[in-house]
Protein backbone atom coordinates (compact mmCIF):
# COMPACT_ATOMS: atom_id res chain seq x y z
CA UNK A 1 -2.56 2.52 -18.72
CA UNK A 2 -3.73 0.95 -15.49
CA UNK A 3 -3.67 3.33 -12.52
CA UNK A 4 -3.15 1.94 -9.02
CA UNK A 5 -3.57 3.94 -5.83
CA UNK A 6 -1.22 2.68 -3.13
CA UNK A 7 -1.93 4.26 0.27
CA UNK A 8 0.96 3.62 2.65
CA UNK A 9 1.67 4.23 6.30
CA UNK A 10 5.04 4.09 8.05
CA UNK A 11 5.29 0.27 8.15
CA UNK A 12 8.01 -0.62 5.62
CA UNK A 13 7.32 -4.35 5.60
CA UNK A 14 3.61 -3.84 4.92
CA UNK A 15 4.41 -1.30 2.17
CA UNK A 16 6.79 -3.73 0.47
CA UNK A 17 4.03 -6.34 0.57
CA UNK A 18 1.89 -3.88 -1.37
CA UNK A 19 4.71 -3.46 -3.89
CA UNK A 20 4.84 -7.21 -4.47
CA UNK A 21 1.10 -7.23 -5.23
CA UNK A 22 1.59 -4.47 -7.82
CA UNK A 23 4.60 -6.23 -9.36
CA UNK A 24 2.41 -9.30 -9.79
CA UNK A 25 -0.07 -7.45 -12.00
CA UNK A 26 0.02 -8.44 -15.69
CA UNK A 27 2.37 -6.24 -17.75
CA UNK A 28 3.14 -4.19 -14.64
CA UNK A 29 6.27 -2.50 -16.01
CA UNK A 30 4.59 -1.53 -19.27
CA UNK A 31 1.03 -0.74 -18.24
CA UNK A 32 0.88 0.24 -14.55
CA UNK A 33 1.28 3.66 -12.96
CA UNK A 34 1.22 3.87 -9.16
CA UNK A 35 0.09 6.87 -7.15
CA UNK A 36 1.72 6.61 -3.77
CA UNK A 37 -0.49 8.19 -1.09
CA UNK A 38 0.08 9.00 2.56
CA UNK A 39 -2.72 10.38 4.72
CA UNK A 40 -1.33 12.65 7.43
CA UNK A 41 -3.10 13.74 10.62
CA UNK A 42 -2.33 17.40 10.03
CA UNK A 43 -3.19 19.58 7.00
CA UNK A 44 0.00 21.63 7.30
CA UNK A 45 2.18 18.54 7.31
CA UNK A 46 0.32 17.03 4.34
CA UNK A 47 0.81 20.19 2.28
CA UNK A 48 4.57 20.20 2.87
CA UNK A 49 5.44 16.51 2.98
CA UNK A 50 5.69 13.87 0.27
CA UNK A 51 5.14 10.16 0.95
CA UNK A 52 8.74 9.65 -0.17
CA UNK A 53 9.94 11.62 2.85
CA UNK A 54 8.82 8.63 4.92
CA UNK A 55 11.21 5.68 4.95
CA UNK A 56 8.50 3.28 3.72
CA UNK A 57 7.66 5.68 0.88
CA UNK A 58 11.27 5.88 -0.27
CA UNK A 59 11.57 2.08 -0.21
CA UNK A 60 8.36 1.67 -2.22
CA UNK A 61 9.32 4.26 -4.80
CA UNK A 62 12.80 2.77 -5.24
CA UNK A 63 11.48 -0.77 -5.59
CA UNK A 64 8.81 0.25 -8.12
CA UNK A 65 11.26 2.35 -10.15
CA UNK A 66 13.76 -0.54 -10.14
CA UNK A 67 11.03 -2.64 -11.77
CA UNK A 68 10.14 -0.05 -14.41
CA UNK A 69 6.91 1.21 -12.84
CA UNK A 70 6.07 4.92 -12.96
CA UNK A 71 5.31 6.48 -9.57
CA UNK A 72 3.41 9.64 -8.72
CA UNK A 73 3.08 10.92 -5.15
CA UNK A 74 0.19 12.46 -3.27
CA UNK A 75 -0.30 13.64 0.31
CA UNK A 76 -3.51 14.52 2.07
CA UNK A 77 -4.95 14.63 5.56
CA UNK A 78 -8.12 13.66 7.37
CA UNK A 79 -9.98 10.45 7.97
CA UNK A 80 -7.86 7.78 6.23
CA UNK A 81 -10.66 5.77 4.59
CA UNK A 82 -12.45 8.88 3.32
CA UNK A 83 -9.17 10.39 2.10
CA UNK A 84 -8.20 7.17 0.30
CA UNK A 85 -11.53 6.94 -1.50
CA UNK A 86 -11.38 10.64 -2.46
CA UNK A 87 -7.82 10.25 -3.75
CA UNK A 88 -8.81 7.21 -5.82
CA UNK A 89 -11.55 9.23 -7.47
CA UNK A 90 -9.29 12.26 -7.97
CA UNK A 91 -6.54 10.30 -9.75
CA UNK A 92 -8.96 8.07 -11.65
CA UNK A 93 -7.54 4.91 -10.08
CA UNK A 94 -8.51 1.56 -11.54
CA UNK A 95 -7.53 -0.27 -8.35
CA UNK A 96 -6.51 0.36 -4.73
CA UNK A 97 -3.76 -1.76 -3.16
CA UNK A 98 -3.90 -1.49 0.64
CA UNK A 99 -1.60 -2.97 3.25
CA UNK A 100 -3.78 -4.58 5.88
CA UNK A 101 -2.72 -4.95 9.47
CA UNK A 102 -3.69 -7.82 11.67
CA UNK A 103 -6.20 -6.90 14.34
CA UNK A 104 -8.39 -9.04 16.48
CA UNK A 105 -12.15 -8.71 15.92
CA UNK A 106 -12.35 -6.72 19.16
CA UNK A 107 -9.48 -4.46 18.03
CA UNK A 108 -11.23 -3.79 14.73
CA UNK A 109 -14.45 -3.01 16.57
CA UNK A 110 -12.76 -0.57 18.95
CA UNK A 111 -10.27 1.07 16.60
CA UNK A 112 -12.08 0.57 13.30
CA UNK A 113 -10.55 -0.77 10.15
CA UNK A 114 -9.45 1.48 7.32
CA UNK A 115 -9.14 -1.54 5.02
CA UNK A 116 -12.66 -2.66 5.78
CA UNK A 117 -14.16 0.81 5.27
CA UNK A 118 -12.33 1.28 1.95
CA UNK A 119 -13.28 -2.18 0.75
CA UNK A 120 -16.96 -1.71 1.58
CA UNK A 121 -17.29 1.79 0.13
CA UNK A 122 -15.05 1.54 -2.94
CA UNK A 123 -16.50 1.39 -6.44
CA UNK A 124 -13.23 -0.01 -7.84
CA UNK A 125 -11.37 -3.23 -6.98
CA UNK A 126 -9.44 -3.23 -3.69
CA UNK A 127 -6.59 -5.62 -2.97
CA UNK A 128 -5.54 -5.99 0.65
CA UNK A 129 -2.06 -7.36 1.21
CA UNK A 130 -0.18 -8.42 4.29
CA UNK A 131 3.40 -7.72 5.16
CA UNK A 132 6.23 -8.83 2.90
CA UNK A 133 7.28 -11.40 5.51
CA UNK A 134 3.82 -12.95 5.49
CA UNK A 135 4.00 -13.36 1.69
CA UNK A 136 7.39 -15.06 1.59
CA UNK A 137 7.28 -18.84 1.68
CA UNK A 138 9.03 -20.37 4.68
CA UNK A 139 12.58 -21.54 4.08
CA UNK A 140 12.79 -25.29 4.68
CA UNK A 141 15.21 -26.31 7.36
CA UNK A 142 17.90 -28.57 6.05
CA UNK A 143 18.25 -31.84 7.84
CA UNK A 144 21.81 -32.33 8.89
CA UNK A 145 23.30 -35.74 9.30
CA UNK A 146 26.11 -35.12 11.71
CA UNK A 147 27.72 -38.05 13.33
């Protein structure tokens, strides 16, 4: 088995982009198990809430199940990058699939970047995806010959 940790936030489009990356893994339906993780701000909320109680979490779980991929769930709280790395170690993940958000260099400097911190401190491979819309090829406009 190949274990993937998929930390999600509330952005459904970004979470579905992460799903597409997992579905693209070799033998995904037969060999991959996903642990869906959400890092909450509050300990009490994390203890009583599953990632599938968030709309993005439900969408991810449904899409993965529809494609034959086993899904486990996990909730925690605290600093997101530290919590993600701890969760990866706890579940024995072989890979982390993160949904990156676009920030300017100044925005990353001011607000920090969870993706960057996880990528730099991880001992396992980290894949950073964009939103589902960013991954879809543009639909060519049809030229119409109206006279």
